[in-house]
């Protein structure tokens, strides 16, 4: 009964996979899922709105304001020279029933200052509905 030193019989490669670490990791993941699932399921019941993206029909009485790259304001196709003239026109339009919507089309190169002035005049005139006309993104 002695030890065998220098023998190559014990140095063979072991091809069996040790599954103990795998079972440990799986048990930890199972415990985490068991703890977090009840928290996720218990939420307040809320009726979420459904998104409907429909193209709106432009009514003839809607006001289309365009602001070009230089900051000039156009009422439909008519150039408005003075800011006070724009405000007077908007106040007159705000007296109509039903009140028209204002659609603002701003050039991509227009500074925000010019658009903000138009919105401020719309607000001062008392018009409630203001929208921005943009180009929709391309569908892929």
Protein backbone atom coordinates (compact mmCIF):
# COMPACT_ATOMS: atom_id res chain seq x y z
CA UNK A 1 0.00 0.00 0.00
CA UNK A 2 1.95 2.85 -1.16
CA UNK A 3 1.33 5.96 -3.17
CA UNK A 4 1.85 5.97 -6.84
CA UNK A 5 3.87 9.06 -7.66
CA UNK A 6 4.75 9.76 -11.23
CA UNK A 7 1.97 7.70 -12.73
CA UNK A 8 0.00 9.26 -15.60
CA UNK A 9 -3.23 7.38 -14.86
CA UNK A 10 -4.66 10.12 -12.58
CA UNK A 11 -3.81 12.99 -14.93
CA UNK A 12 -6.50 12.18 -17.47
CA UNK A 13 -8.95 14.92 -18.44
CA UNK A 14 -12.31 14.91 -16.63
CA UNK A 15 -15.07 15.45 -19.17
CA UNK A 16 -18.00 15.75 -16.72
CA UNK A 17 -19.55 19.23 -16.20
CA UNK A 18 -19.84 20.49 -12.64
CA UNK A 19 -23.49 21.58 -12.41
CA UNK A 20 -23.41 22.85 -8.84
CA UNK A 21 -22.70 26.52 -9.76
CA UNK A 22 -25.41 26.37 -12.45
CA UNK A 23 -27.99 25.10 -9.95
CA UNK A 24 -26.98 27.83 -7.48
CA UNK A 25 -27.44 30.57 -10.06
CA UNK A 26 -30.80 29.16 -11.16
CA UNK A 27 -32.07 29.03 -7.57
CA UNK A 28 -31.05 32.65 -7.00
CA UNK A 29 -32.85 33.74 -10.20
CA UNK A 30 -35.94 31.77 -9.19
CA UNK A 31 -36.02 33.51 -5.80
CA UNK A 32 -35.63 36.94 -7.44
CA UNK A 33 -38.51 36.26 -9.85
CA UNK A 34 -40.74 34.98 -7.05
CA UNK A 35 -40.15 38.16 -5.09
CA UNK A 36 -40.60 40.66 -7.95
CA UNK A 37 -43.60 39.20 -9.82
CA UNK A 38 -46.23 40.09 -7.17
CA UNK A 39 -44.95 43.68 -7.11
CA UNK A 40 -45.29 44.01 -10.87
CA UNK A 41 -48.77 42.47 -10.98
CA UNK A 42 -50.22 44.66 -8.20
CA UNK A 43 -50.71 48.02 -9.89
CA UNK A 44 -53.53 50.52 -9.84
CA UNK A 45 -56.25 49.91 -12.40
CA UNK A 46 -56.21 52.72 -14.92
CA UNK A 47 -58.04 53.00 -18.22
CA UNK A 48 -55.33 54.12 -20.60
CA UNK A 49 -56.31 56.20 -23.63
CA UNK A 50 -56.05 54.58 -27.00
CA UNK A 51 -53.96 56.38 -29.57
CA UNK A 52 -55.70 57.21 -32.78
CA UNK A 53 -53.65 59.10 -35.31
CA UNK A 54 -56.13 60.49 -37.77
CA UNK A 55 -55.52 63.25 -40.21
CA UNK A 56 -57.58 66.26 -39.26
CA UNK A 57 -59.57 67.98 -41.92
CA UNK A 58 -58.68 71.63 -42.22
CA UNK A 59 -61.73 73.82 -42.03
CA UNK A 60 -61.87 76.90 -44.24
CA UNK A 61 -62.30 79.15 -41.19
CA UNK A 62 -59.05 77.93 -39.59
CA UNK A 63 -56.26 80.47 -39.54
CA UNK A 64 -52.98 79.39 -41.12
CA UNK A 65 -50.02 81.46 -39.99
CA UNK A 66 -46.69 80.87 -41.70
CA UNK A 67 -43.37 82.20 -40.43
CA UNK A 68 -40.51 82.15 -42.94
CA UNK A 69 -36.79 81.95 -42.25
CA UNK A 70 -36.48 85.75 -41.99
CA UNK A 71 -39.29 85.93 -39.40
CA UNK A 72 -41.95 87.39 -41.70
CA UNK A 73 -45.50 86.36 -40.79
CA UNK A 74 -48.10 85.39 -43.39
CA UNK A 75 -51.85 85.08 -42.70
CA UNK A 76 -52.83 82.35 -45.16
CA UNK A 77 -51.09 83.97 -48.18
CA UNK A 78 -51.20 87.60 -47.02
CA UNK A 79 -48.00 89.16 -45.65
CA UNK A 80 -48.53 90.85 -42.27
CA UNK A 81 -46.14 93.77 -41.90
CA UNK A 82 -46.83 94.86 -38.32
CA UNK A 83 -47.22 92.81 -35.15
CA UNK A 84 -50.13 95.01 -34.05
CA UNK A 85 -51.93 94.28 -37.32
CA UNK A 86 -51.57 90.56 -36.60
CA UNK A 87 -52.92 91.05 -33.08
CA UNK A 88 -55.93 93.04 -34.37
CA UNK A 89 -56.76 90.37 -36.94
CA UNK A 90 -56.47 87.63 -34.31
CA UNK A 91 -58.72 89.53 -31.89
CA UNK A 92 -61.33 89.91 -34.63
CA UNK A 93 -61.12 86.19 -35.41
CA UNK A 94 -61.39 85.26 -31.73
CA UNK A 95 -64.84 86.86 -31.54
CA UNK A 96 -66.30 84.34 -34.01
CA UNK A 97 -68.40 81.43 -32.80
CA UNK A 98 -67.11 78.76 -32.92
CA UNK A 99 -63.65 80.11 -32.39
CA UNK A 100 -61.26 79.18 -35.22
CA UNK A 101 -58.10 77.20 -34.67
CA UNK A 102 -54.71 78.71 -35.45
CA UNK A 103 -52.23 76.52 -37.31
CA UNK A 104 -48.64 77.75 -37.21
CA UNK A 105 -46.20 76.67 -39.90
CA UNK A 106 -42.64 77.64 -39.07
CA UNK A 107 -39.70 77.36 -41.41
CA UNK A 108 -36.98 75.01 -40.22
CA UNK A 109 -34.45 77.87 -40.24
CA UNK A 110 -36.69 80.26 -38.26
CA UNK A 111 -35.40 81.25 -34.85
CA UNK A 112 -37.66 80.39 -31.94
CA UNK A 113 -38.10 84.07 -31.10
CA UNK A 114 -40.29 84.68 -34.17
CA UNK A 115 -42.51 81.66 -33.45
CA UNK A 116 -42.81 82.70 -29.79
CA UNK A 117 -44.00 86.17 -30.83
CA UNK A 118 -46.73 84.65 -32.99
CA UNK A 119 -47.85 82.35 -30.17
CA UNK A 120 -47.83 85.27 -27.73
CA UNK A 121 -50.09 87.28 -30.06
CA UNK A 122 -52.46 84.32 -30.40
CA UNK A 123 -52.59 84.04 -26.61
CA UNK A 124 -53.19 87.78 -26.20
CA UNK A 125 -56.04 87.62 -28.70
CA UNK A 126 -57.73 84.94 -26.59
CA UNK A 127 -57.68 82.08 -29.09
CA UNK A 128 -57.75 78.74 -27.27
CA UNK A 129 -56.61 76.25 -29.92
CA UNK A 130 -53.15 76.51 -31.45
CA UNK A 131 -51.48 73.78 -33.46
CA UNK A 132 -48.22 73.34 -35.32
CA UNK A 133 -48.01 72.00 -38.84
CA UNK A 134 -45.09 69.62 -39.34
CA UNK A 135 -43.98 67.06 -41.87
CA UNK A 136 -44.66 63.56 -40.54
CA UNK A 137 -41.70 61.17 -40.39
CA UNK A 138 -41.36 58.68 -43.21
CA UNK A 139 -42.75 55.22 -42.54
CA UNK A 140 -40.34 52.34 -42.98
